[in-house]
Protein backbone atom coordinates (compact mmCIF):
# COMPACT_ATOMS: atom_id res chain seq x y z
CA MET A 1 -13.90 59.88 -24.35
CA LEU A 2 -16.41 60.07 -21.50
CA LEU A 3 -16.73 63.22 -19.42
CA ASP A 4 -18.65 63.88 -16.25
CA HIS A 5 -21.34 66.58 -16.09
CA SER A 6 -19.23 69.20 -14.36
CA ALA A 7 -18.44 72.76 -15.40
CA ALA A 8 -14.78 71.85 -15.89
CA ALA A 9 -15.71 69.05 -18.32
CA LYS A 10 -17.52 71.54 -20.56
CA ASP A 11 -14.21 73.32 -21.18
CA VAL A 12 -13.45 70.66 -23.81
CA PHE A 13 -15.81 72.58 -26.15
CA ASN A 14 -13.58 75.67 -25.86
CA ILE A 15 -10.43 74.02 -27.20
CA LYS A 16 -9.04 76.03 -30.11
CA ALA A 17 -5.94 74.01 -31.05
CA VAL A 18 -4.49 70.54 -30.49
CA CYS A 19 -0.89 69.69 -31.38
CA SER A 20 -0.52 72.96 -33.31
CA ILE A 21 -3.62 72.21 -35.39
CA SER A 22 -5.97 75.16 -35.14
CA GLY A 23 -9.45 75.78 -36.46
CA LEU A 24 -10.99 72.89 -34.58
CA ARG A 25 -14.74 72.93 -34.16
CA VAL A 26 -16.07 70.64 -31.49
CA GLU A 27 -19.83 70.22 -31.19
CA PRO A 28 -21.63 68.74 -28.19
CA PRO A 29 -22.57 65.09 -28.69
CA ARG A 30 -26.09 64.10 -29.75
CA LYS A 31 -27.92 60.92 -28.96
CA ARG A 32 -27.21 58.33 -31.60
CA GLY A 33 -29.98 57.63 -34.04
CA THR A 34 -31.92 60.85 -33.42
CA PRO A 35 -31.69 63.70 -35.93
CA GLY A 36 -31.07 67.20 -34.69
CA GLN A 37 -33.81 69.80 -34.40
CA CYS A 38 -33.62 73.17 -36.10
CA HIS A 39 -33.85 76.05 -33.61
CA ARG A 40 -35.35 78.29 -36.29
CA CYS A 41 -38.32 76.34 -37.74
CA GLN A 42 -38.40 73.55 -35.07
CA LEU A 43 -38.36 70.77 -37.71
CA TYR A 44 -35.97 67.83 -37.49
CA GLY A 45 -33.15 66.79 -39.79
CA HIS A 46 -31.30 70.07 -40.34
CA SER A 47 -29.79 72.92 -38.35
CA ALA A 48 -30.68 76.61 -38.14
CA ARG A 49 -27.51 77.44 -40.08
CA ASN A 50 -28.95 75.81 -43.21
CA CYS A 51 -32.61 76.70 -42.62
CA ARG A 52 -34.51 78.91 -45.07
CA ALA A 53 -37.98 78.33 -43.57
CA ARG A 54 -39.93 80.93 -41.62
CA PRO A 55 -39.09 81.09 -37.92
CA ARG A 56 -41.47 79.32 -35.55
CA CYS A 57 -41.52 79.61 -31.78
CA VAL A 58 -40.71 76.56 -29.66
CA LYS A 59 -43.10 77.70 -26.87
CA CYS A 60 -46.20 78.93 -28.68
CA LEU A 61 -47.91 78.71 -32.06
CA GLY A 62 -46.53 82.09 -33.17
CA ASP A 63 -44.63 82.79 -36.37
CA HIS A 64 -41.68 84.40 -34.62
CA GLY A 65 -38.35 83.29 -33.24
CA THR A 66 -38.21 81.91 -29.72
CA ALA A 67 -36.10 84.86 -28.56
CA ASP A 68 -38.89 87.24 -29.65
CA CYS A 69 -41.66 85.36 -27.79
CA ALA A 70 -43.64 87.28 -25.17
CA ARG A 71 -44.57 84.08 -23.30
CA TYR A 72 -42.62 83.70 -20.08
CA ARG A 73 -42.67 80.52 -18.00
CA ALA A 74 -43.17 82.35 -14.69
CA THR A 75 -46.12 84.47 -15.86
CA ALA A 76 -47.77 82.12 -18.37
CA SER A 77 -51.34 81.17 -17.49
CA GLU A 78 -51.61 78.32 -20.00
CA PRO A 79 -49.22 75.50 -20.96
CA PRO A 80 -46.90 75.79 -23.96
CA SER A 81 -48.09 74.76 -27.41
CA CYS A 82 -46.27 72.65 -29.97
CA VAL A 83 -45.95 73.96 -33.55
CA LEU A 84 -45.22 70.46 -34.84
CA CYS A 85 -48.43 68.72 -33.73
CA ASP A 86 -50.59 71.83 -33.04
CA SER A 87 -51.46 70.72 -29.53
CA ALA A 88 -51.13 72.34 -26.12
CA GLY A 89 -49.30 70.78 -23.21
CA HIS A 90 -45.72 70.58 -24.41
CA PRO A 91 -43.15 72.70 -26.32
CA ALA A 92 -41.88 71.74 -29.78
CA ASN A 93 -38.63 70.32 -28.39
CA TYR A 94 -40.40 67.73 -26.19
CA ARG A 95 -39.19 64.23 -27.13
CA GLY A 96 -42.58 62.74 -26.27
CA CYS A 97 -44.31 64.72 -29.04
CA PRO A 98 -46.06 62.44 -31.55
CA ARG A 99 -44.24 64.24 -34.38
CA ALA A 100 -40.77 63.91 -32.81
CA PRO A 101 -38.54 61.23 -34.37
CA ARG A 102 -38.10 58.08 -32.34
CA HIS A 103 -34.71 56.78 -31.29
CA GLN A 104 -33.60 54.04 -33.64
CA PRO A 105 -30.58 52.12 -32.41
CA ARG A 106 -28.01 51.30 -35.01
CA ALA A 107 -27.64 47.72 -36.07
CA PRO A 108 -24.31 46.27 -34.98
CA THR A 109 -21.87 46.13 -37.84
CA ALA A 110 -19.22 43.51 -38.28
CA PRO A 111 -15.68 44.81 -38.55
CA ALA A 112 -14.55 45.08 -42.14
CA LEU A 113 -12.34 42.18 -43.07
CA ARG A 114 -9.32 43.01 -45.12
CA PRO A 115 -8.35 40.55 -47.81
CA ALA A 116 -5.14 38.69 -47.15
CA ARG A 117 -2.17 40.16 -48.94
CA ALA A 118 -0.94 37.99 -51.74
CA SER A 119 2.67 37.11 -51.31
CA SER A 120 4.64 38.37 -54.22
CA THR A 121 7.86 36.86 -55.40
CA ARG A 122 10.37 38.85 -57.31
CA ALA A 123 11.82 37.48 -60.39
CA SER A 124 15.55 38.03 -60.41
């Protein structure tokens, strides 16, 4: 299903039940071929829910969570720093970072062919 980028289209993520089936959990789509980034340690390949690493800020080189960072965009005198590549100029969630995974398109797969059903004859 394709949705436009309107506020009404985002309501699809608030659906709690479909056809009397409850407990649905809909996550926003990710680009194909790119692993997700952890919002706790800023590494790729896992989510913050399963992360046991120390928190690292996405905006500076500090060992604290992003919510606890004292760096504010409006008052910052220097550019953000990346904890992945230890360089200034971009935050850790910048896709152009040398340490960020590159998009790898999936190879097209042929549809699975089902073997023809053998005709069975009943012995009477």
